[in-house]
N, C-alpha and C. Protein backbone atom coordinates (compact mmCIF):
# COMPACT_ATOMS: atom_id res chain seq x y z
N UNK A 1 -125.46 -190.58 -69.50
CA UNK A 1 -124.82 -190.22 -70.67
C UNK A 1 -124.01 -191.03 -71.14
N UNK A 2 -123.96 -191.26 -72.22
CA UNK A 2 -123.17 -192.19 -73.45
C UNK A 2 -121.61 -191.79 -73.14
N UNK A 3 -121.12 -193.17 -73.01
CA UNK A 3 -119.60 -193.02 -72.50
C UNK A 3 -118.66 -193.63 -73.58
N UNK A 4 -117.47 -193.69 -74.22
CA UNK A 4 -116.52 -194.13 -74.97
C UNK A 4 -115.89 -194.88 -74.18
N UNK A 5 -116.09 -196.11 -74.31
CA UNK A 5 -115.30 -197.17 -73.08
C UNK A 5 -113.70 -197.42 -74.13
N UNK A 6 -113.60 -197.26 -75.21
CA UNK A 6 -112.60 -197.90 -75.49
C UNK A 6 -111.07 -197.27 -74.93
N UNK A 7 -109.95 -198.52 -75.20
CA UNK A 7 -108.64 -198.23 -74.62
C UNK A 7 -108.22 -196.76 -75.06
N UNK A 8 -107.68 -195.95 -73.94
CA UNK A 8 -107.58 -194.59 -74.33
C UNK A 8 -106.42 -195.00 -75.25
N UNK A 9 -105.12 -195.58 -74.99
CA UNK A 9 -103.87 -195.89 -76.10
C UNK A 9 -104.32 -196.03 -77.03
N UNK A 10 -105.31 -196.87 -77.27
CA UNK A 10 -105.88 -197.37 -78.46
C UNK A 10 -106.56 -196.50 -79.51
N UNK A 11 -107.43 -195.81 -78.72
CA UNK A 11 -108.12 -194.69 -79.30
C UNK A 11 -107.08 -193.28 -79.73
N UNK A 12 -106.30 -193.02 -78.87
CA UNK A 12 -105.27 -191.96 -79.42
C UNK A 12 -104.51 -192.65 -80.53
N UNK A 13 -103.99 -193.72 -80.52
CA UNK A 13 -103.46 -194.36 -81.84
C UNK A 13 -103.80 -193.75 -82.98
N UNK A 14 -105.68 -194.54 -82.96
CA UNK A 14 -106.45 -194.49 -84.39
C UNK A 14 -106.75 -192.96 -84.77
N UNK A 15 -106.43 -191.92 -83.82
CA UNK A 15 -106.98 -190.68 -84.08
C UNK A 15 -105.57 -189.76 -84.04
N UNK A 16 -104.61 -190.44 -84.04
CA UNK A 16 -103.16 -189.78 -84.21
C UNK A 16 -102.62 -188.93 -83.31
N UNK A 17 -102.97 -188.79 -82.20
CA UNK A 17 -102.92 -188.25 -81.06
C UNK A 17 -102.30 -188.71 -79.58
N UNK A 18 -101.22 -187.98 -79.43
CA UNK A 18 -100.26 -188.16 -78.18
C UNK A 18 -101.39 -188.60 -76.98
N UNK A 19 -100.97 -189.54 -76.06
CA UNK A 19 -101.73 -189.89 -74.58
C UNK A 19 -101.54 -188.62 -73.95
N UNK A 20 -100.74 -187.78 -74.02
CA UNK A 20 -100.20 -186.89 -73.15
C UNK A 20 -101.33 -185.63 -73.45
N UNK A 21 -101.94 -185.92 -74.20
CA UNK A 21 -103.06 -184.70 -74.50
C UNK A 21 -104.35 -184.87 -73.84
N UNK A 22 -104.08 -186.11 -73.42
CA UNK A 22 -105.39 -186.53 -72.76
C UNK A 22 -104.83 -186.56 -71.10
N UNK A 23 -103.84 -186.11 -70.75
CA UNK A 23 -103.47 -186.41 -69.37
C UNK A 23 -102.67 -187.74 -68.84
N UNK A 24 -102.62 -188.62 -69.91
CA UNK A 24 -102.09 -189.81 -69.61
C UNK A 24 -100.38 -189.93 -70.32
N UNK A 25 -99.72 -189.38 -69.18
CA UNK A 25 -98.16 -189.20 -69.74
C UNK A 25 -96.92 -190.72 -69.88
N UNK A 26 -97.97 -191.94 -69.32
CA UNK A 26 -97.15 -193.02 -69.07
C UNK A 26 -97.61 -194.13 -70.63
N UNK A 27 -98.83 -193.93 -70.50
CA UNK A 27 -99.38 -194.74 -71.67
C UNK A 27 -98.76 -194.42 -73.09
N UNK A 28 -98.10 -195.91 -73.51
CA UNK A 28 -97.78 -195.91 -75.09
C UNK A 28 -98.66 -196.57 -76.45
N UNK A 29 -98.19 -196.04 -77.46
CA UNK A 29 -99.18 -196.22 -78.70
C UNK A 29 -98.13 -197.17 -79.83
N UNK A 30 -96.87 -197.01 -79.11
CA UNK A 30 -95.98 -197.59 -80.60
C UNK A 30 -96.44 -199.37 -81.04
N UNK A 31 -97.12 -199.87 -79.86
CA UNK A 31 -97.07 -201.89 -79.98
C UNK A 31 -97.66 -202.05 -81.39
N UNK A 32 -97.01 -202.56 -82.25
CA UNK A 32 -97.75 -202.95 -83.83
C UNK A 32 -97.91 -201.88 -84.44
N UNK A 33 -97.54 -200.68 -84.41
CA UNK A 33 -97.48 -199.45 -85.16
C UNK A 33 -97.10 -199.89 -86.86
N UNK A 34 -96.22 -200.90 -86.87
CA UNK A 34 -95.84 -201.40 -88.46
C UNK A 34 -96.67 -202.65 -88.87
N UNK A 35 -97.49 -202.81 -88.38
CA UNK A 35 -98.32 -204.19 -88.92
C UNK A 35 -99.13 -203.83 -90.35
N UNK A 36 -99.48 -202.76 -90.63
CA UNK A 36 -100.05 -202.92 -91.66
C UNK A 36 -99.89 -201.35 -92.57
N UNK A 37 -99.52 -201.20 -94.11
CA UNK A 37 -99.82 -199.87 -94.51
C UNK A 37 -101.42 -199.18 -94.78
N UNK A 38 -101.53 -198.14 -94.54
CA UNK A 38 -103.06 -196.90 -94.20
C UNK A 38 -102.98 -196.91 -95.72
N UNK A 39 -103.77 -196.64 -96.41
CA UNK A 39 -104.48 -196.09 -97.45
C UNK A 39 -104.96 -194.81 -97.47
N UNK A 40 -104.52 -194.04 -98.29
CA UNK A 40 -104.63 -192.50 -98.19
C UNK A 40 -106.07 -192.10 -97.46
N UNK A 41 -106.68 -191.16 -97.26
CA UNK A 41 -107.78 -191.05 -96.51
C UNK A 41 -108.64 -189.96 -97.59
N UNK A 42 -109.77 -190.14 -97.59
CA UNK A 42 -110.47 -189.04 -98.60
C UNK A 42 -110.75 -187.90 -97.44
N UNK A 43 -111.39 -186.60 -97.91
CA UNK A 43 -111.30 -185.58 -97.57
C UNK A 43 -112.51 -185.59 -96.75
N UNK A 44 -113.53 -186.45 -96.67
CA UNK A 44 -114.83 -186.71 -95.62
C UNK A 44 -113.40 -187.48 -94.19
N UNK A 45 -112.87 -188.13 -94.59
CA UNK A 45 -112.28 -188.80 -93.85
C UNK A 45 -111.48 -188.27 -92.59
N UNK A 46 -110.70 -187.28 -93.50
CA UNK A 46 -109.73 -186.55 -92.77
C UNK A 46 -110.79 -185.52 -91.88
N UNK A 47 -111.85 -184.82 -92.27
CA UNK A 47 -112.84 -183.94 -91.71
C UNK A 47 -113.27 -184.63 -90.35
N UNK A 48 -113.96 -185.89 -90.60
CA UNK A 48 -114.24 -186.70 -89.55
C UNK A 48 -113.38 -186.90 -88.48
N UNK A 49 -112.09 -187.28 -88.50
CA UNK A 49 -111.30 -187.52 -87.93
C UNK A 49 -110.98 -186.46 -86.65
N UNK A 50 -110.62 -185.32 -87.52
CA UNK A 50 -110.54 -184.22 -86.97
C UNK A 50 -111.77 -184.09 -85.78
N UNK A 51 -112.96 -183.93 -86.19
CA UNK A 51 -114.28 -184.18 -85.25
C UNK A 51 -114.10 -184.82 -84.58
N UNK A 52 -113.68 -186.05 -84.53
CA UNK A 52 -113.40 -187.00 -83.18
C UNK A 52 -112.36 -186.99 -82.73
N UNK A 53 -111.57 -186.11 -82.99
CA UNK A 53 -110.23 -185.82 -82.38
C UNK A 53 -110.89 -185.14 -80.82
N UNK A 54 -111.59 -183.56 -81.30
CA UNK A 54 -112.24 -182.72 -80.41
C UNK A 54 -113.11 -183.36 -79.49
N UNK A 55 -113.93 -184.40 -79.91
CA UNK A 55 -115.01 -184.66 -79.19
C UNK A 55 -114.35 -186.14 -78.26
N UNK A 56 -113.22 -186.71 -78.72
CA UNK A 56 -112.41 -187.62 -77.60
C UNK A 56 -112.04 -186.81 -76.59
N UNK A 57 -110.98 -185.68 -76.88
CA UNK A 57 -110.24 -185.06 -75.87
C UNK A 57 -110.98 -184.67 -75.17
N UNK A 58 -112.04 -183.77 -75.70
CA UNK A 58 -112.70 -183.15 -74.52
C UNK A 58 -113.92 -183.79 -73.81
N UNK A 59 -114.19 -185.10 -74.41
CA UNK A 59 -115.14 -186.22 -73.91
C UNK A 59 -116.60 -185.72 -74.33
N UNK A 60 -116.71 -184.95 -74.97
CA UNK A 60 -118.03 -184.48 -75.60
C UNK A 60 -118.94 -185.29 -76.63
N UNK A 61 -120.31 -185.07 -76.81
CA UNK A 61 -120.76 -186.27 -77.53
C UNK A 61 -120.88 -185.28 -79.09
N UNK A 62 -121.88 -185.88 -79.64
CA UNK A 62 -121.86 -185.53 -81.28
C UNK A 62 -123.08 -183.96 -80.93
N UNK A 63 -123.98 -184.50 -80.50
CA UNK A 63 -125.02 -183.45 -80.01
C UNK A 63 -124.39 -181.70 -79.41
N UNK A 64 -123.09 -182.22 -78.43
CA UNK A 64 -122.89 -181.14 -77.73
C UNK A 64 -121.89 -180.29 -78.86
N UNK A 65 -121.38 -181.34 -79.62
CA UNK A 65 -120.07 -181.03 -80.74
C UNK A 65 -120.76 -179.80 -81.36
N UNK A 66 -122.11 -180.28 -82.06
CA UNK A 66 -122.91 -179.63 -82.97
C UNK A 66 -123.49 -178.41 -82.54
N UNK A 67 -123.67 -178.43 -81.36
CA UNK A 67 -124.21 -177.33 -80.33
C UNK A 67 -123.22 -175.97 -80.51
N UNK A 68 -122.18 -176.46 -80.32
CA UNK A 68 -120.93 -175.46 -79.60
C UNK A 68 -120.56 -174.84 -80.86
N UNK A 69 -120.98 -175.78 -82.98
CA UNK A 69 -120.27 -175.15 -83.42
C UNK A 69 -121.31 -174.02 -83.87
N UNK A 70 -122.81 -174.52 -83.80
CA UNK A 70 -123.83 -173.37 -84.24
C UNK A 70 -123.82 -172.10 -83.46
N UNK A 71 -123.38 -172.32 -82.27
CA UNK A 71 -123.14 -171.12 -81.75
C UNK A 71 -122.05 -170.28 -81.72
N UNK A 72 -120.97 -171.03 -82.59
CA UNK A 72 -119.79 -170.40 -82.93
C UNK A 72 -120.10 -169.51 -84.19
N UNK A 73 -121.13 -170.27 -84.77
CA UNK A 73 -121.30 -169.24 -86.11
C UNK A 73 -121.99 -167.89 -85.81
N UNK A 74 -122.48 -167.99 -84.59
CA UNK A 74 -123.36 -166.62 -84.30
C UNK A 74 -122.28 -165.56 -83.60
N UNK A 75 -121.21 -166.00 -83.37
CA UNK A 75 -120.16 -165.17 -82.55
C UNK A 75 -119.19 -164.41 -83.59
N UNK A 76 -118.61 -163.34 -83.53
CA UNK A 76 -117.20 -162.78 -84.44
C UNK A 76 -116.42 -163.53 -84.37
N UNK A 77 -115.88 -163.72 -85.47
CA UNK A 77 -114.56 -164.00 -85.72
C UNK A 77 -114.56 -165.56 -86.00
N UNK A 78 -113.62 -166.51 -86.04
CA UNK A 78 -113.53 -167.52 -87.17
C UNK A 78 -114.36 -168.88 -86.08
N UNK A 79 -115.13 -169.57 -86.97
CA UNK A 79 -116.28 -170.41 -86.09
C UNK A 79 -115.15 -171.53 -85.95
N UNK A 80 -114.12 -172.29 -86.57
CA UNK A 80 -113.49 -173.21 -85.80
C UNK A 80 -112.81 -172.43 -84.54
N UNK A 81 -112.46 -171.51 -84.61
CA UNK A 81 -111.23 -170.85 -83.52
C UNK A 81 -112.32 -170.74 -82.08
N UNK A 82 -113.87 -170.21 -82.34
CA UNK A 82 -114.55 -169.89 -81.60
C UNK A 82 -115.12 -170.97 -80.58
N UNK A 83 -115.27 -171.94 -81.47
CA UNK A 83 -115.91 -173.31 -81.36
C UNK A 83 -115.20 -173.91 -80.20
N UNK A 84 -113.71 -174.33 -80.65
CA UNK A 84 -112.77 -174.64 -79.75
C UNK A 84 -112.56 -173.53 -78.34
N UNK A 85 -112.72 -172.59 -78.38
CA UNK A 85 -112.88 -171.66 -77.45
C UNK A 85 -114.08 -171.77 -76.42
N UNK A 86 -114.99 -172.14 -76.66
CA UNK A 86 -116.37 -172.03 -76.08
C UNK A 86 -116.30 -173.44 -75.36
N UNK A 87 -115.43 -174.70 -75.96
CA UNK A 87 -115.68 -175.95 -75.49
C UNK A 87 -114.28 -175.86 -74.05
N UNK A 88 -113.15 -175.14 -74.76
CA UNK A 88 -111.92 -174.96 -73.79
C UNK A 88 -112.72 -174.27 -72.15
N UNK A 89 -113.99 -173.44 -72.46
CA UNK A 89 -114.22 -173.16 -71.32
C UNK A 89 -115.38 -173.84 -70.35
N UNK A 90 -115.45 -175.01 -70.86
CA UNK A 90 -116.63 -175.93 -70.17
C UNK A 90 -115.84 -175.82 -68.93
N UNK A 91 -116.28 -176.23 -67.73
CA UNK A 91 -116.35 -176.40 -66.56
C UNK A 91 -115.10 -177.67 -65.99
N UNK A 92 -115.46 -178.77 -66.82
CA UNK A 92 -114.45 -179.58 -66.18
C UNK A 92 -113.46 -179.48 -67.27
N UNK A 93 -113.26 -178.85 -68.29
CA UNK A 93 -111.88 -178.42 -68.54
C UNK A 93 -110.96 -177.62 -67.79
N UNK A 94 -111.64 -176.48 -67.80
CA UNK A 94 -111.04 -175.55 -66.38
C UNK A 94 -110.36 -176.35 -65.21
N UNK A 95 -111.37 -177.17 -64.43
CA UNK A 95 -110.54 -177.64 -63.35
C UNK A 95 -109.16 -178.70 -63.73
N UNK A 96 -109.57 -179.39 -64.75
CA UNK A 96 -108.16 -179.81 -65.30
C UNK A 96 -107.01 -179.22 -65.61
N UNK A 97 -107.48 -177.82 -66.72
CA UNK A 97 -106.14 -176.90 -66.51
C UNK A 97 -106.06 -176.36 -65.40
N UNK A 98 -106.39 -175.92 -64.61
CA UNK A 98 -105.87 -175.76 -63.66
C UNK A 98 -105.49 -176.87 -62.36
N UNK A 99 -105.18 -177.61 -63.06
CA UNK A 99 -104.26 -178.95 -62.51
C UNK A 99 -104.97 -179.60 -61.04
N UNK A 100 -106.48 -179.53 -60.87
CA UNK A 100 -107.52 -179.97 -59.56
C UNK A 100 -107.71 -181.21 -59.86
N UNK A 101 -107.47 -181.83 -61.47
CA UNK A 101 -107.59 -183.26 -61.75
C UNK A 101 -106.69 -183.72 -62.99
N UNK A 102 -106.41 -185.10 -62.41
CA UNK A 102 -105.13 -185.39 -63.37
C UNK A 102 -106.11 -185.65 -65.11
N UNK A 103 -107.37 -185.79 -65.19
CA UNK A 103 -107.48 -186.10 -66.52
C UNK A 103 -108.64 -185.42 -66.72
N UNK A 104 -109.05 -185.01 -67.74
CA UNK A 104 -110.51 -184.71 -67.79
C UNK A 104 -111.34 -185.27 -67.43
N UNK A 105 -111.55 -186.68 -67.81
CA UNK A 105 -112.09 -187.62 -67.18
C UNK A 105 -113.04 -187.55 -65.86
N UNK A 106 -111.59 -187.42 -65.20
CA UNK A 106 -111.78 -187.04 -63.75
C UNK A 106 -112.11 -185.88 -63.41
N UNK A 107 -111.74 -184.84 -63.74
CA UNK A 107 -112.24 -183.32 -63.80
C UNK A 107 -113.85 -183.51 -63.46
N UNK A 108 -114.28 -184.24 -65.22
CA UNK A 108 -115.79 -184.23 -65.45
C UNK A 108 -116.45 -185.14 -64.23
N UNK A 109 -115.95 -185.88 -63.66
CA UNK A 109 -116.29 -186.89 -62.48
C UNK A 109 -116.53 -185.93 -61.23
N UNK A 110 -115.59 -185.13 -60.94
CA UNK A 110 -115.09 -184.46 -59.39
C UNK A 110 -116.61 -183.20 -59.81
N UNK A 111 -116.60 -182.76 -60.92
CA UNK A 111 -117.20 -181.65 -61.23
C UNK A 111 -118.93 -182.32 -60.89
N UNK A 112 -119.35 -183.42 -61.58
CA UNK A 112 -120.27 -183.89 -61.19
C UNK A 112 -120.78 -184.05 -60.09
N UNK A 113 -119.87 -184.32 -59.20
CA UNK A 113 -120.22 -185.28 -57.49
C UNK A 113 -119.90 -183.45 -56.67
N UNK A 114 -120.14 -182.39 -57.28
CA UNK A 114 -120.26 -181.16 -56.53
C UNK A 114 -118.96 -180.63 -55.94
N UNK A 115 -117.70 -180.69 -56.18
CA UNK A 115 -116.83 -180.65 -55.64
C UNK A 115 -115.97 -178.98 -55.78
N UNK A 116 -116.70 -178.16 -56.42
CA UNK A 116 -116.37 -176.79 -56.57
C UNK A 116 -117.35 -176.19 -56.89
N UNK A 117 -116.84 -174.41 -56.63
CA UNK A 117 -117.87 -173.74 -56.50
C UNK A 117 -117.52 -172.70 -57.64
N UNK A 118 -118.53 -172.02 -58.14
CA UNK A 118 -117.95 -171.12 -59.42
C UNK A 118 -118.66 -169.77 -59.09
N UNK A 119 -117.77 -168.77 -58.33
CA UNK A 119 -118.20 -167.45 -57.59
C UNK A 119 -118.83 -167.80 -56.40
N UNK A 120 -118.97 -169.11 -55.73
CA UNK A 120 -119.31 -169.23 -54.28
C UNK A 120 -120.64 -170.25 -54.56
N UNK A 121 -120.70 -169.95 -55.80
CA UNK A 121 -121.93 -171.25 -55.89
C UNK A 121 -121.96 -172.10 -56.23
N UNK A 122 -122.23 -173.42 -55.94
CA UNK A 122 -121.81 -174.85 -56.20
C UNK A 122 -122.38 -175.14 -57.62
N UNK A 123 -121.50 -175.86 -58.32
CA UNK A 123 -122.13 -176.21 -59.83
C UNK A 123 -121.38 -177.47 -60.03
N UNK A 124 -122.26 -178.50 -60.35
CA UNK A 124 -121.87 -179.33 -60.86
C UNK A 124 -122.65 -179.86 -62.18
N UNK A 125 -122.21 -178.75 -62.84
CA UNK A 125 -122.59 -179.20 -64.40
C UNK A 125 -121.52 -178.99 -65.64
N UNK A 126 -120.55 -180.36 -65.56
CA UNK A 126 -119.27 -180.35 -66.56
C UNK A 126 -119.61 -179.30 -67.34
N UNK A 127 -120.29 -178.88 -68.35
CA UNK A 127 -120.51 -178.26 -69.44
C UNK A 127 -120.79 -176.61 -69.56
N UNK A 128 -120.87 -176.40 -68.04
CA UNK A 128 -120.91 -175.18 -67.68
C UNK A 128 -119.58 -174.11 -67.97
N UNK A 129 -119.96 -173.42 -68.69
CA UNK A 129 -119.10 -172.38 -69.63
C UNK A 129 -119.12 -171.19 -68.36
N UNK A 130 -117.37 -170.82 -68.20
CA UNK A 130 -117.06 -170.18 -67.08
C UNK A 130 -116.94 -168.81 -68.19
N UNK A 131 -116.87 -167.50 -67.43
CA UNK A 131 -116.69 -166.27 -68.01
C UNK A 131 -115.58 -165.69 -67.29
N UNK A 132 -115.07 -164.33 -67.92
CA UNK A 132 -114.21 -163.64 -67.68
C UNK A 132 -114.49 -163.28 -66.03
N UNK A 133 -113.55 -163.30 -65.42
CA UNK A 133 -113.57 -163.16 -64.16
C UNK A 133 -114.05 -164.40 -62.83
N UNK A 134 -114.70 -165.24 -63.62
CA UNK A 134 -115.11 -165.59 -62.88
C UNK A 134 -114.53 -167.08 -61.57
N UNK A 135 -114.51 -167.31 -60.87
CA UNK A 135 -113.77 -167.77 -59.55
C UNK A 135 -114.18 -169.01 -59.36
N UNK A 136 -112.98 -170.24 -59.40
CA UNK A 136 -113.27 -171.96 -59.62
C UNK A 136 -112.81 -172.58 -58.24
N UNK A 137 -113.40 -172.40 -57.30
CA UNK A 137 -112.84 -173.06 -56.40
C UNK A 137 -113.15 -174.33 -55.70
N UNK A 138 -112.69 -174.95 -55.04
CA UNK A 138 -112.76 -176.70 -54.49
C UNK A 138 -113.43 -176.14 -53.07
N UNK A 139 -114.82 -176.72 -52.97
CA UNK A 139 -115.90 -176.78 -52.12
C UNK A 139 -115.21 -177.05 -50.62
N UNK A 140 -115.46 -175.98 -49.52
CA UNK A 140 -115.04 -176.37 -48.17
C UNK A 140 -114.92 -177.24 -47.56
N UNK A 141 -115.89 -178.22 -47.53
CA UNK A 141 -116.39 -179.57 -47.45
C UNK A 141 -115.30 -180.22 -48.11
N UNK A 142 -114.80 -180.47 -49.34
CA UNK A 142 -114.08 -181.16 -50.01
C UNK A 142 -112.69 -180.86 -49.62
N UNK A 143 -112.51 -179.88 -49.71
CA UNK A 143 -110.47 -179.67 -49.07
C UNK A 143 -110.21 -180.69 -48.08
N UNK A 144 -110.75 -181.17 -46.98
CA UNK A 144 -110.07 -182.20 -46.34
C UNK A 144 -110.17 -183.55 -47.10
N UNK A 145 -110.51 -183.63 -47.93
CA UNK A 145 -109.96 -185.17 -48.87
C UNK A 145 -108.82 -185.56 -49.01
N UNK A 146 -108.52 -186.33 -49.05
CA UNK A 146 -107.06 -187.09 -49.97
C UNK A 146 -106.61 -186.33 -51.10
N UNK A 147 -107.69 -186.35 -52.11
CA UNK A 147 -107.60 -186.42 -53.51
C UNK A 147 -107.11 -184.76 -53.72
N UNK A 148 -107.86 -184.08 -52.32
CA UNK A 148 -107.56 -182.55 -52.96
C UNK A 148 -106.48 -181.83 -51.67
N UNK A 149 -105.94 -182.70 -51.03
CA UNK A 149 -104.94 -182.34 -49.96
C UNK A 149 -103.73 -182.56 -50.58
N UNK A 150 -103.34 -183.37 -51.24
CA UNK A 150 -102.13 -183.26 -51.99
C UNK A 150 -101.91 -182.80 -53.16
N UNK A 151 -102.60 -181.63 -53.09
CA UNK A 151 -102.83 -180.94 -54.70
C UNK A 151 -102.21 -179.12 -53.58
N UNK A 152 -101.92 -179.42 -52.53
CA UNK A 152 -100.88 -178.63 -51.63
C UNK A 152 -100.08 -179.04 -51.14
N UNK A 153 -98.82 -178.09 -50.44
CA UNK A 153 -97.92 -178.49 -49.72
C UNK A 153 -96.43 -178.42 -50.79
N UNK A 154 -95.48 -179.02 -50.22
CA UNK A 154 -93.78 -178.96 -51.06
C UNK A 154 -93.95 -179.94 -51.99
N UNK A 155 -95.30 -181.18 -52.18
CA UNK A 155 -95.01 -182.23 -52.59
C UNK A 155 -96.35 -182.57 -54.06
N UNK A 156 -96.65 -181.29 -54.12
CA UNK A 156 -97.98 -180.95 -54.50
C UNK A 156 -97.24 -181.46 -56.16
N UNK A 157 -98.29 -181.96 -57.22
CA UNK A 157 -97.57 -181.81 -58.25
C UNK A 157 -97.53 -180.27 -59.20
N UNK A 158 -96.59 -180.21 -60.00
CA UNK A 158 -96.11 -178.78 -60.66
C UNK A 158 -97.61 -178.79 -61.69
N UNK A 159 -97.88 -177.72 -62.30
CA UNK A 159 -99.15 -177.91 -63.07
C UNK A 159 -98.56 -176.62 -63.80
N UNK A 160 -98.81 -176.70 -65.24
CA UNK A 160 -98.51 -175.45 -65.95
C UNK A 160 -99.91 -175.00 -66.55
N UNK A 161 -100.24 -173.98 -65.92
CA UNK A 161 -101.49 -173.36 -65.97
C UNK A 161 -101.43 -172.42 -67.42
N UNK A 162 -102.79 -172.26 -68.11
CA UNK A 162 -102.45 -171.57 -69.29
C UNK A 162 -102.60 -170.33 -69.06
N UNK A 163 -102.19 -169.33 -69.93
CA UNK A 163 -102.14 -167.85 -69.68
C UNK A 163 -103.38 -167.40 -69.24
N UNK A 164 -104.58 -167.99 -70.04
CA UNK A 164 -105.94 -167.33 -69.71
C UNK A 164 -106.50 -167.76 -68.25
N UNK A 165 -105.69 -168.26 -67.80
CA UNK A 165 -106.17 -169.13 -66.22
C UNK A 165 -105.63 -168.27 -64.95
N UNK A 166 -105.74 -168.29 -64.19
CA UNK A 166 -104.58 -167.85 -62.71
C UNK A 166 -105.04 -168.93 -61.77
N UNK A 167 -103.94 -169.84 -61.19
CA UNK A 167 -104.47 -170.49 -59.98
C UNK A 167 -103.31 -169.59 -59.18
N UNK A 168 -104.14 -169.30 -58.05
CA UNK A 168 -103.38 -168.81 -56.34
C UNK A 168 -102.42 -170.28 -55.83
N UNK A 169 -101.35 -169.42 -55.79
CA UNK A 169 -100.32 -170.65 -54.97
C UNK A 169 -100.72 -171.03 -53.65
N UNK A 170 -100.67 -172.43 -53.35
CA UNK A 170 -100.92 -173.21 -52.29
C UNK A 170 -102.41 -172.60 -51.94
N UNK A 171 -103.00 -172.66 -52.89
CA UNK A 171 -104.38 -172.70 -52.69
C UNK A 171 -105.76 -173.33 -54.14
N UNK A 172 -106.79 -173.89 -53.52
CA UNK A 172 -107.37 -174.84 -54.16
C UNK A 172 -108.45 -173.60 -55.05
N UNK A 173 -107.97 -172.58 -55.96
CA UNK A 173 -108.61 -171.67 -55.95
C UNK A 173 -107.99 -171.15 -57.42
N UNK A 174 -109.16 -170.97 -58.35
CA UNK A 174 -108.10 -170.44 -59.93
C UNK A 174 -109.43 -169.07 -60.28
N UNK A 175 -108.88 -168.29 -61.28
CA UNK A 175 -109.93 -167.33 -61.75
C UNK A 175 -109.35 -167.14 -63.17
N UNK A 176 -110.51 -166.95 -64.29
CA UNK A 176 -110.40 -167.01 -65.56
C UNK A 176 -109.86 -165.13 -65.86
N UNK A 177 -108.66 -165.20 -66.16
CA UNK A 177 -108.31 -163.95 -66.78
C UNK A 177 -108.99 -162.89 -68.06
N UNK A 178 -109.38 -164.15 -68.68
CA UNK A 178 -109.38 -163.60 -70.22
C UNK A 178 -110.32 -164.93 -70.75
N UNK A 179 -110.91 -164.75 -71.98
CA UNK A 179 -111.33 -166.04 -72.68
C UNK A 179 -110.12 -166.60 -73.39
N UNK A 180 -109.98 -167.65 -73.66
CA UNK A 180 -108.82 -168.78 -74.54
C UNK A 180 -109.37 -168.44 -76.05
N UNK A 181 -108.13 -168.32 -76.50
CA UNK A 181 -107.85 -168.02 -77.93
C UNK A 181 -107.29 -169.10 -78.62
N UNK A 182 -107.36 -169.46 -79.76
CA UNK A 182 -106.40 -170.76 -80.69
C UNK A 182 -105.17 -170.77 -79.91
N UNK A 183 -104.12 -169.49 -79.52
CA UNK A 183 -102.81 -170.08 -79.42
C UNK A 183 -102.68 -170.86 -77.64
N UNK A 184 -103.80 -170.67 -77.09
CA UNK A 184 -104.25 -170.92 -75.94
C UNK A 184 -104.47 -172.39 -75.81
N UNK A 185 -104.72 -172.98 -76.88
CA UNK A 185 -105.11 -174.24 -76.75
C UNK A 185 -104.16 -175.09 -77.62
N UNK A 186 -103.56 -176.43 -76.66
CA UNK A 186 -102.51 -176.68 -77.51
C UNK A 186 -103.13 -178.26 -78.39
N UNK A 187 -104.35 -178.59 -78.42
CA UNK A 187 -104.92 -179.38 -79.10
C UNK A 187 -103.99 -179.25 -80.76
N UNK A 188 -103.89 -180.60 -81.13
CA UNK A 188 -103.42 -180.59 -82.41
C UNK A 188 -104.58 -181.42 -83.29
N UNK A 189 -105.31 -180.08 -83.73
CA UNK A 189 -106.32 -180.45 -84.56
C UNK A 189 -106.58 -179.26 -85.66
N UNK A 190 -106.79 -179.42 -86.84
CA UNK A 190 -107.54 -178.28 -87.84
C UNK A 190 -108.89 -178.23 -87.37
N UNK A 191 -109.34 -177.09 -86.93
CA UNK A 191 -110.36 -176.70 -86.98
C UNK A 191 -111.35 -176.73 -88.08
N UNK A 192 -110.73 -176.11 -88.99
CA UNK A 192 -111.13 -175.29 -90.42
C UNK A 192 -111.95 -176.81 -91.24
N UNK A 193 -111.17 -177.78 -90.80
CA UNK A 193 -111.95 -179.24 -91.29
C UNK A 193 -113.28 -179.50 -90.62
N UNK A 194 -113.56 -179.11 -89.58
CA UNK A 194 -114.71 -179.45 -88.63
C UNK A 194 -115.63 -178.67 -89.43
N UNK A 195 -115.35 -177.24 -89.32
CA UNK A 195 -116.29 -176.44 -89.88
C UNK A 195 -116.68 -176.88 -91.29
N UNK A 196 -116.07 -177.27 -91.83
CA UNK A 196 -116.30 -177.81 -93.63
C UNK A 196 -117.24 -179.06 -93.31
N UNK A 197 -116.61 -180.03 -92.65
CA UNK A 197 -117.83 -180.94 -92.52
C UNK A 197 -119.09 -180.49 -92.12
N UNK A 198 -119.34 -179.40 -90.74
CA UNK A 198 -120.74 -178.90 -90.52
C UNK A 198 -121.33 -178.51 -91.38
N UNK A 199 -120.50 -177.67 -92.50
CA UNK A 199 -121.18 -176.65 -93.50
C UNK A 199 -121.68 -176.80 -94.22
N UNK A 200 -121.62 -178.85 -94.72
CA UNK A 200 -122.13 -179.12 -95.99
C UNK A 200 -123.80 -179.59 -96.03
């Protein structure tokens, strides 16, 4: 699969988003912030930027992004919000949201290496869409690794789990309580602009 190898901080600055959204709390994008004035962007440029934000933050490609949009069109509700909800339900994102990985990139790699099960079945597809009631758990044979051991105990990092998910305390296990709605998604994006771009 193709990868965006551009530095995270540089890409965040270009798209106008905080590196914290990507899970990088210590990266800084203030360097050379006043070197040149930017001209006003066209309507198309604004729409394209919003789409690029979503693709960059979630680590998805153009083909996948369009597929989610077309699937959202067939669903009841606003296409933009339904599209974000679908992308938010990706297994790699859920693993990140539950705090099993520091970034979505790391989560995608962990899922690809088959460290997780969904309802007791091994799943190694990052784009797998979770459903209400699904139980996501670290595989038994992976629990002994240093990577997952550090997530338990008193020194475990504190994770703010979104309301649509539930993580068991002192356990490498999470449950999908309900489907995510727009209010659950903290991504600073105007999804309506993406709908306008794709509907042309």
